[in-house]
Amino acid sequence: VLITSLKEDCVTLEVSLWINDLDRGRKPLISE
């Protein structure tokens, strides 16, 4: 997890992770 931006009322994070199984497709996994 990286902080990519700091503003007065906002912090933007970038989350990276490894996915081993995309059998259900990408959209349901991203939503979950």
PDB file of all heavy atoms in Angstrom:
ATOM      1  N   VAL A   1       0.866  -1.172   0.000  1.00  0.00           N
ATOM      2  CA  VAL A   1       0.000   0.000   0.000  1.00  0.00           C
ATOM      3  C   VAL A   1       0.903   1.224   0.000  1.00  0.00           C
ATOM      4  O   VAL A   1       1.753   1.370   0.875  1.00  0.00           O
ATOM      5  CB  VAL A   1      -0.936   0.045   1.225  1.00  0.00           C
ATOM      6  CG1 VAL A   1      -1.769   1.306   1.224  1.00  0.00           C
ATOM      7  CG2 VAL A   1      -1.828  -1.190   1.267  1.00  0.00           C
ATOM      8  N   LEU A   2       0.749   2.057  -1.014  1.00  0.00           N
ATOM      9  CA  LEU A   2       1.540   3.278  -1.134  1.00  0.00           C
ATOM     10  C   LEU A   2       0.642   4.498  -1.021  1.00  0.00           C
ATOM     11  O   LEU A   2      -0.475   4.493  -1.537  1.00  0.00           O
ATOM     12  CB  LEU A   2       2.251   3.324  -2.494  1.00  0.00           C
ATOM     13  CG  LEU A   2       3.202   2.181  -2.816  1.00  0.00           C
ATOM     14  CD1 LEU A   2       3.677   2.300  -4.260  1.00  0.00           C
ATOM     15  CD2 LEU A   2       4.368   2.181  -1.865  1.00  0.00           C
ATOM     16  N   ILE A   3       1.116   5.541  -0.365  1.00  0.00           N
ATOM     17  CA  ILE A   3       0.431   6.830  -0.376  1.00  0.00           C
ATOM     18  C   ILE A   3       0.910   7.559  -1.625  1.00  0.00           C
ATOM     19  O   ILE A   3       2.092   7.815  -1.792  1.00  0.00           O
ATOM     20  CB  ILE A   3       0.756   7.648   0.889  1.00  0.00           C
ATOM     21  CG1 ILE A   3       0.279   6.896   2.130  1.00  0.00           C
ATOM     22  CG2 ILE A   3       0.115   9.026   0.799  1.00  0.00           C
ATOM     23  CD1 ILE A   3       0.719   7.528   3.426  1.00  0.00           C
ATOM     24  N   THR A   4      -0.029   7.850  -2.539  1.00  0.00           N
ATOM     25  CA  THR A   4       0.352   8.477  -3.799  1.00  0.00           C
ATOM     26  C   THR A   4       0.026   9.960  -3.848  1.00  0.00           C
ATOM     27  O   THR A   4       0.517  10.668  -4.723  1.00  0.00           O
ATOM     28  CB  THR A   4      -0.321   7.777  -4.995  1.00  0.00           C
ATOM     29  OG1 THR A   4      -1.737   7.844  -4.841  1.00  0.00           O
ATOM     30  CG2 THR A   4       0.126   6.324  -5.086  1.00  0.00           C
ATOM     31  N   SER A   5      -0.794  10.436  -2.894  1.00  0.00           N
ATOM     32  CA  SER A   5      -1.145  11.853  -2.890  1.00  0.00           C
ATOM     33  C   SER A   5      -1.677  12.246  -1.515  1.00  0.00           C
ATOM     34  O   SER A   5      -2.411  11.482  -0.894  1.00  0.00           O
ATOM     35  CB  SER A   5      -2.220  12.134  -3.952  1.00  0.00           C
ATOM     36  OG  SER A   5      -2.662  13.458  -3.876  1.00  0.00           O
ATOM     37  N   LEU A   6      -1.270  13.409  -1.062  1.00  0.00           N
ATOM     38  CA  LEU A   6      -1.785  13.986   0.183  1.00  0.00           C
ATOM     39  C   LEU A   6      -2.350  15.364  -0.118  1.00  0.00           C
ATOM     40  O   LEU A   6      -1.676  16.199  -0.723  1.00  0.00           O
ATOM     41  CB  LEU A   6      -0.675  14.137   1.222  1.00  0.00           C
ATOM     42  CG  LEU A   6      -0.163  12.882   1.885  1.00  0.00           C
ATOM     43  CD1 LEU A   6       1.045  13.216   2.760  1.00  0.00           C
ATOM     44  CD2 LEU A   6      -1.226  12.228   2.722  1.00  0.00           C
ATOM     45  N   LYS A   7      -3.581  15.590   0.291  1.00  0.00           N
ATOM     46  CA  LYS A   7      -4.215  16.905   0.170  1.00  0.00           C
ATOM     47  C   LYS A   7      -4.790  17.259   1.524  1.00  0.00           C
ATOM     48  O   LYS A   7      -4.814  16.442   2.435  1.00  0.00           O
ATOM     49  CB  LYS A   7      -5.314  16.872  -0.889  1.00  0.00           C
ATOM     50  CG  LYS A   7      -4.808  16.554  -2.285  1.00  0.00           C
ATOM     51  CD  LYS A   7      -5.941  16.542  -3.276  1.00  0.00           C
ATOM     52  CE  LYS A   7      -5.431  16.138  -4.652  1.00  0.00           C
ATOM     53  NZ  LYS A   7      -6.519  16.040  -5.624  1.00  0.00           N
ATOM     54  N   GLU A   8      -5.284  18.465   1.647  1.00  0.00           N
ATOM     55  CA  GLU A   8      -5.822  18.920   2.927  1.00  0.00           C
ATOM     56  C   GLU A   8      -6.904  17.987   3.459  1.00  0.00           C
ATOM     57  O   GLU A   8      -6.949  17.698   4.651  1.00  0.00           O
ATOM     58  CB  GLU A   8      -6.392  20.334   2.774  1.00  0.00           C
ATOM     59  CG  GLU A   8      -6.914  20.912   4.066  1.00  0.00           C
ATOM     60  CD  GLU A   8      -7.406  22.322   3.895  1.00  0.00           C
ATOM     61  OE1 GLU A   8      -6.851  23.066   3.073  1.00  0.00           O
ATOM     62  OE2 GLU A   8      -8.365  22.675   4.601  1.00  0.00           O
ATOM     63  N   ASP A   9      -7.765  17.500   2.598  1.00  0.00           N
ATOM     64  CA  ASP A   9      -8.883  16.666   3.039  1.00  0.00           C
ATOM     65  C   ASP A   9      -8.921  15.298   2.355  1.00  0.00           C
ATOM     66  O   ASP A   9      -9.949  14.646   2.317  1.00  0.00           O
ATOM     67  CB  ASP A   9     -10.200  17.394   2.797  1.00  0.00           C
ATOM     68  CG  ASP A   9     -10.413  17.726   1.321  1.00  0.00           C
ATOM     69  OD1 ASP A   9      -9.464  17.579   0.540  1.00  0.00           O
ATOM     70  OD2 ASP A   9     -11.527  18.128   0.966  1.00  0.00           O
ATOM     71  N   CYS A  10      -7.771  14.854   1.819  1.00  0.00           N
ATOM     72  CA  CYS A  10      -7.784  13.616   1.046  1.00  0.00           C
ATOM     73  C   CYS A  10      -6.409  12.947   1.061  1.00  0.00           C
ATOM     74  O   CYS A  10      -5.389  13.603   0.934  1.00  0.00           O
ATOM     75  CB  CYS A  10      -8.194  13.938  -0.397  1.00  0.00           C
ATOM     76  SG  CYS A  10      -8.197  12.541  -1.504  1.00  0.00           S
ATOM     77  N   VAL A  11      -6.420  11.634   1.212  1.00  0.00           N
ATOM     78  CA  VAL A  11      -5.219  10.819   1.060  1.00  0.00           C
ATOM     79  C   VAL A  11      -5.533   9.791  -0.027  1.00  0.00           C
ATOM     80  O   VAL A  11      -6.544   9.102   0.032  1.00  0.00           O
ATOM     81  CB  VAL A  11      -4.851  10.085   2.365  1.00  0.00           C
ATOM     82  CG1 VAL A  11      -3.664   9.162   2.165  1.00  0.00           C
ATOM     83  CG2 VAL A  11      -4.589  11.073   3.480  1.00  0.00           C
ATOM     84  N   THR A  12      -4.676   9.701  -1.039  1.00  0.00           N
ATOM     85  CA  THR A  12      -4.869   8.727  -2.115  1.00  0.00           C
ATOM     86  C   THR A  12      -3.891   7.583  -1.914  1.00  0.00           C
ATOM     87  O   THR A  12      -2.697   7.805  -1.747  1.00  0.00           O
ATOM     88  CB  THR A  12      -4.638   9.383  -3.489  1.00  0.00           C
ATOM     89  OG1 THR A  12      -5.515  10.495  -3.630  1.00  0.00           O
ATOM     90  CG2 THR A  12      -4.903   8.396  -4.607  1.00  0.00           C
ATOM     91  N   LEU A  13      -4.434   6.360  -1.903  1.00  0.00           N
ATOM     92  CA  LEU A  13      -3.621   5.166  -1.700  1.00  0.00           C
ATOM     93  C   LEU A  13      -3.608   4.327  -2.969  1.00  0.00           C
ATOM     94  O   LEU A  13      -4.592   4.281  -3.706  1.00  0.00           O
ATOM     95  CB  LEU A  13      -4.203   4.321  -0.562  1.00  0.00           C
ATOM     96  CG  LEU A  13      -4.369   5.002   0.786  1.00  0.00           C
ATOM     97  CD1 LEU A  13      -5.065   4.056   1.752  1.00  0.00           C
ATOM     98  CD2 LEU A  13      -3.043   5.466   1.335  1.00  0.00           C
ATOM     99  N   GLU A  14      -2.508   3.626  -3.192  1.00  0.00           N
ATOM    100  CA  GLU A  14      -2.408   2.651  -4.273  1.00  0.00           C
ATOM    101  C   GLU A  14      -2.170   1.293  -3.633  1.00  0.00           C
ATOM    102  O   GLU A  14      -1.207   1.111  -2.891  1.00  0.00           O
ATOM    103  CB  GLU A  14      -1.255   3.003  -5.203  1.00  0.00           C
ATOM    104  CG  GLU A  14      -1.071   2.037  -6.345  1.00  0.00           C
ATOM    105  CD  GLU A  14       0.070   2.446  -7.247  1.00  0.00           C
ATOM    106  OE1 GLU A  14       0.046   3.582  -7.753  1.00  0.00           O
ATOM    107  OE2 GLU A  14       0.990   1.620  -7.422  1.00  0.00           O
ATOM    108  N   VAL A  15      -3.069   0.358  -3.884  1.00  0.00           N
ATOM    109  CA  VAL A  15      -2.993  -0.972  -3.293  1.00  0.00           C
ATOM    110  C   VAL A  15      -2.562  -1.961  -4.358  1.00  0.00           C
ATOM    111  O   VAL A  15      -3.153  -2.024  -5.434  1.00  0.00           O
ATOM    112  CB  VAL A  15      -4.363  -1.391  -2.705  1.00  0.00           C
ATOM    113  CG1 VAL A  15      -4.281  -2.787  -2.108  1.00  0.00           C
ATOM    114  CG2 VAL A  15      -4.842  -0.375  -1.671  1.00  0.00           C
ATOM    115  N   SER A  16      -1.512  -2.729  -4.073  1.00  0.00           N
ATOM    116  CA  SER A  16      -1.029  -3.767  -4.984  1.00  0.00           C
ATOM    117  C   SER A  16      -1.066  -5.099  -4.261  1.00  0.00           C
ATOM    118  O   SER A  16      -0.713  -5.185  -3.085  1.00  0.00           O
ATOM    119  CB  SER A  16       0.414  -3.482  -5.405  1.00  0.00           C
ATOM    120  OG  SER A  16       0.525  -2.229  -6.025  1.00  0.00           O
ATOM    121  N   LEU A  17      -1.494  -6.144  -4.966  1.00  0.00           N
ATOM    122  CA  LEU A  17      -1.502  -7.471  -4.377  1.00  0.00           C
ATOM    123  C   LEU A  17      -1.432  -8.516  -5.462  1.00  0.00           C
ATOM    124  O   LEU A  17      -1.657  -8.239  -6.641  1.00  0.00           O
ATOM    125  CB  LEU A  17      -2.731  -7.687  -3.493  1.00  0.00           C
ATOM    126  CG  LEU A  17      -4.076  -7.420  -4.164  1.00  0.00           C
ATOM    127  CD1 LEU A  17      -4.787  -8.702  -4.439  1.00  0.00           C
ATOM    128  CD2 LEU A  17      -4.879  -6.509  -3.266  1.00  0.00           C
ATOM    129  N   TRP A  18      -1.122  -9.727  -5.065  1.00  0.00           N
ATOM    130  CA  TRP A  18      -0.975 -10.847  -5.985  1.00  0.00           C
ATOM    131  C   TRP A  18      -2.283 -11.623  -6.024  1.00  0.00           C
ATOM    132  O   TRP A  18      -2.874 -11.916  -4.993  1.00  0.00           O
ATOM    133  CB  TRP A  18       0.144 -11.754  -5.497  1.00  0.00           C
ATOM    134  CG  TRP A  18       0.408 -12.890  -6.421  1.00  0.00           C
ATOM    135  CD1 TRP A  18      -0.084 -14.154  -6.317  1.00  0.00           C
ATOM    136  CD2 TRP A  18       1.231 -12.857  -7.583  1.00  0.00           C
ATOM    137  NE1 TRP A  18       0.385 -14.921  -7.349  1.00  0.00           N
ATOM    138  CE2 TRP A  18       1.198 -14.138  -8.155  1.00  0.00           C
ATOM    139  CE3 TRP A  18       1.991 -11.874  -8.195  1.00  0.00           C
ATOM    140  CZ2 TRP A  18       1.892 -14.466  -9.294  1.00  0.00           C
ATOM    141  CZ3 TRP A  18       2.683 -12.200  -9.339  1.00  0.00           C
ATOM    142  CH2 TRP A  18       2.632 -13.476  -9.873  1.00  0.00           C
ATOM    143  N   ILE A  19      -2.750 -11.967  -7.234  1.00  0.00           N
ATOM    144  CA  ILE A  19      -3.978 -12.744  -7.403  1.00  0.00           C
ATOM    145  C   ILE A  19      -3.603 -14.066  -8.064  1.00  0.00           C
ATOM    146  O   ILE A  19      -3.078 -14.088  -9.174  1.00  0.00           O
ATOM    147  CB  ILE A  19      -4.997 -11.981  -8.267  1.00  0.00           C
ATOM    148  CG1 ILE A  19      -5.359 -10.658  -7.596  1.00  0.00           C
ATOM    149  CG2 ILE A  19      -6.235 -12.834  -8.507  1.00  0.00           C
ATOM    150  CD1 ILE A  19      -6.157  -9.730  -8.469  1.00  0.00           C
ATOM    151  N   ASN A  20      -3.889 -15.165  -7.379  1.00  0.00           N
ATOM    152  CA  ASN A  20      -3.564 -16.483  -7.911  1.00  0.00           C
ATOM    153  C   ASN A  20      -4.669 -17.069  -8.783  1.00  0.00           C
ATOM    154  O   ASN A  20      -4.400 -17.923  -9.604  1.00  0.00           O
ATOM    155  CB  ASN A  20      -3.292 -17.467  -6.769  1.00  0.00           C
ATOM    156  CG  ASN A  20      -1.958 -17.223  -6.119  1.00  0.00           C
ATOM    157  OD1 ASN A  20      -1.009 -16.820  -6.769  1.00  0.00           O
ATOM    158  ND2 ASN A  20      -1.891 -17.450  -4.825  1.00  0.00           N
ATOM    159  N   ASP A  21      -5.906 -16.666  -8.585  1.00  0.00           N
ATOM    160  CA  ASP A  21      -7.028 -17.346  -9.196  1.00  0.00           C
ATOM    161  C   ASP A  21      -8.037 -16.342  -9.748  1.00  0.00           C
ATOM    162  O   ASP A  21      -8.645 -15.590  -9.002  1.00  0.00           O
ATOM    163  CB  ASP A  21      -7.688 -18.235  -8.143  1.00  0.00           C
ATOM    164  CG  ASP A  21      -8.791 -19.088  -8.691  1.00  0.00           C
ATOM    165  OD1 ASP A  21      -8.970 -19.126  -9.925  1.00  0.00           O
ATOM    166  OD2 ASP A  21      -9.474 -19.730  -7.894  1.00  0.00           O
ATOM    167  N   LEU A  22      -8.209 -16.339 -11.062  1.00  0.00           N
ATOM    168  CA  LEU A  22      -9.192 -15.451 -11.692  1.00  0.00           C
ATOM    169  C   LEU A  22     -10.314 -16.247 -12.355  1.00  0.00           C
ATOM    170  O   LEU A  22     -10.898 -15.807 -13.334  1.00  0.00           O
ATOM    171  CB  LEU A  22      -8.512 -14.558 -12.739  1.00  0.00           C
ATOM    172  CG  LEU A  22      -7.737 -13.375 -12.206  1.00  0.00           C
ATOM    173  CD1 LEU A  22      -7.036 -12.632 -13.344  1.00  0.00           C
ATOM    174  CD2 LEU A  22      -8.635 -12.427 -11.451  1.00  0.00           C
ATOM    175  N   ASP A  23     -10.636 -17.411 -11.809  1.00  0.00           N
ATOM    176  CA  ASP A  23     -11.657 -18.267 -12.413  1.00  0.00           C
ATOM    177  C   ASP A  23     -13.021 -17.590 -12.514  1.00  0.00           C
ATOM    178  O   ASP A  23     -13.765 -17.820 -13.452  1.00  0.00           O
ATOM    179  CB  ASP A  23     -11.803 -19.580 -11.647  1.00  0.00           C
ATOM    180  CG  ASP A  23     -10.625 -20.507 -11.875  1.00  0.00           C
ATOM    181  OD1 ASP A  23      -9.917 -20.328 -12.889  1.00  0.00           O
ATOM    182  OD2 ASP A  23     -10.408 -21.406 -11.053  1.00  0.00           O
ATOM    183  N   ARG A  24     -13.376 -16.757 -11.539  1.00  0.00           N
ATOM    184  CA  ARG A  24     -14.682 -16.078 -11.556  1.00  0.00           C
ATOM    185  C   ARG A  24     -14.658 -14.829 -12.422  1.00  0.00           C
ATOM    186  O   ARG A  24     -15.655 -14.157 -12.574  1.00  0.00           O
ATOM    187  CB  ARG A  24     -15.103 -15.684 -10.134  1.00  0.00           C
ATOM    188  CG  ARG A  24     -15.377 -16.863  -9.249  1.00  0.00           C
ATOM    189  CD  ARG A  24     -15.870 -16.450  -7.894  1.00  0.00           C
ATOM    190  NE  ARG A  24     -14.900 -15.581  -7.234  1.00  0.00           N
ATOM    191  CZ  ARG A  24     -15.219 -14.553  -6.460  1.00  0.00           C
ATOM    192  NH1 ARG A  24     -16.457 -14.242  -6.237  1.00  0.00           N
ATOM    193  NH2 ARG A  24     -14.273 -13.835  -5.900  1.00  0.00           N
ATOM    194  N   GLY A  25     -13.525 -14.488 -12.961  1.00  0.00           N
ATOM    195  CA  GLY A  25     -13.402 -13.278 -13.753  1.00  0.00           C
ATOM    196  C   GLY A  25     -12.842 -12.148 -12.914  1.00  0.00           C
ATOM    197  O   GLY A  25     -12.786 -12.208 -11.686  1.00  0.00           O
ATOM    198  N   ARG A  26     -12.449 -11.114 -13.581  1.00  0.00           N
ATOM    199  CA  ARG A  26     -11.768 -10.001 -12.933  1.00  0.00           C
ATOM    200  C   ARG A  26     -12.723  -9.052 -12.195  1.00  0.00           C
ATOM    201  O   ARG A  26     -12.437  -8.618 -11.079  1.00  0.00           O
ATOM    202  CB  ARG A  26     -11.003  -9.243 -14.007  1.00  0.00           C
ATOM    203  CG  ARG A  26     -10.041  -8.269 -13.487  1.00  0.00           C
ATOM    204  CD  ARG A  26      -9.213  -7.719 -14.602  1.00  0.00           C
ATOM    205  NE  ARG A  26      -8.451  -6.617 -14.062  1.00  0.00           N
ATOM    206  CZ  ARG A  26      -7.750  -5.792 -14.753  1.00  0.00           C
ATOM    207  NH1 ARG A  26      -7.697  -5.929 -16.047  1.00  0.00           N
ATOM    208  NH2 ARG A  26      -7.079  -4.832 -14.193  1.00  0.00           N
ATOM    209  N   LYS A  27     -13.856  -8.724 -12.796  1.00  0.00           N
ATOM    210  CA  LYS A  27     -14.771  -7.747 -12.188  1.00  0.00           C
ATOM    211  C   LYS A  27     -15.326  -8.177 -10.836  1.00  0.00           C
ATOM    212  O   LYS A  27     -15.331  -7.384  -9.898  1.00  0.00           O
ATOM    213  CB  LYS A  27     -15.893  -7.401 -13.161  1.00  0.00           C
ATOM    214  CG  LYS A  27     -15.422  -6.531 -14.295  1.00  0.00           C
ATOM    215  CD  LYS A  27     -16.574  -6.124 -15.190  1.00  0.00           C
ATOM    216  CE  LYS A  27     -16.055  -5.273 -16.330  1.00  0.00           C
ATOM    217  NZ  LYS A  27     -17.147  -4.817 -17.185  1.00  0.00           N
ATOM    218  N   PRO A  28     -15.803  -9.425 -10.682  1.00  0.00           N
ATOM    219  CA  PRO A  28     -16.287  -9.820  -9.348  1.00  0.00           C
ATOM    220  C   PRO A  28     -15.189  -9.752  -8.288  1.00  0.00           C
ATOM    221  O   PRO A  28     -15.439  -9.359  -7.150  1.00  0.00           O
ATOM    222  CB  PRO A  28     -16.775 -11.256  -9.547  1.00  0.00           C
ATOM    223  CG  PRO A  28     -17.051 -11.375 -11.000  1.00  0.00           C
ATOM    224  CD  PRO A  28     -16.056 -10.470 -11.673  1.00  0.00           C
ATOM    225  N   LEU A  29     -13.973 -10.123  -8.661  1.00  0.00           N
ATOM    226  CA  LEU A  29     -12.864 -10.089  -7.709  1.00  0.00           C
ATOM    227  C   LEU A  29     -12.540  -8.656  -7.298  1.00  0.00           C
ATOM    228  O   LEU A  29     -12.372  -8.358  -6.115  1.00  0.00           O
ATOM    229  CB  LEU A  29     -11.630 -10.760  -8.291  1.00  0.00           C
ATOM    230  CG  LEU A  29     -10.399 -10.755  -7.400  1.00  0.00           C
ATOM    231  CD1 LEU A  29     -10.681 -11.487  -6.099  1.00  0.00           C
ATOM    232  CD2 LEU A  29      -9.228 -11.364  -8.104  1.00  0.00           C
ATOM    233  N   ILE A  30     -12.463  -7.749  -8.273  1.00  0.00           N
ATOM    234  CA  ILE A  30     -12.183  -6.343  -7.969  1.00  0.00           C
ATOM    235  C   ILE A  30     -13.277  -5.767  -7.086  1.00  0.00           C
ATOM    236  O   ILE A  30     -13.001  -5.065  -6.107  1.00  0.00           O
ATOM    237  CB  ILE A  30     -12.011  -5.538  -9.268  1.00  0.00           C
ATOM    238  CG1 ILE A  30     -10.713  -5.958  -9.962  1.00  0.00           C
ATOM    239  CG2 ILE A  30     -12.004  -4.036  -8.985  1.00  0.00           C
ATOM    240  CD1 ILE A  30     -10.544  -5.390 -11.353  1.00  0.00           C
ATOM    241  N   SER A  31     -14.538  -6.084  -7.393  1.00  0.00           N
ATOM    242  CA  SER A  31     -15.647  -5.604  -6.573  1.00  0.00           C
ATOM    243  C   SER A  31     -15.530  -6.103  -5.135  1.00  0.00           C
ATOM    244  O   SER A  31     -15.701  -5.338  -4.180  1.00  0.00           O
ATOM    245  CB  SER A  31     -16.971  -6.063  -7.188  1.00  0.00           C
ATOM    246  OG  SER A  31     -18.050  -5.677  -6.378  1.00  0.00           O
ATOM    247  N   GLU A  32     -15.220  -7.380  -4.975  1.00  0.00           N
ATOM    248  CA  GLU A  32     -15.071  -7.959  -3.643  1.00  0.00           C
ATOM    249  C   GLU A  32     -13.913  -7.309  -2.878  1.00  0.00           C
ATOM    250  O   GLU A  32     -14.028  -7.006  -1.686  1.00  0.00           O
ATOM    251  CB  GLU A  32     -14.840  -9.462  -3.791  1.00  0.00           C
ATOM    252  CG  GLU A  32     -14.835 -10.218  -2.504  1.00  0.00           C
ATOM    253  CD  GLU A  32     -14.676 -11.713  -2.736  1.00  0.00           C
ATOM    254  OE1 GLU A  32     -15.296 -12.243  -3.679  1.00  0.00           O
ATOM    255  OE2 GLU A  32     -13.919 -12.338  -1.976  1.00  0.00           O
TER     256      GLU A  32
END
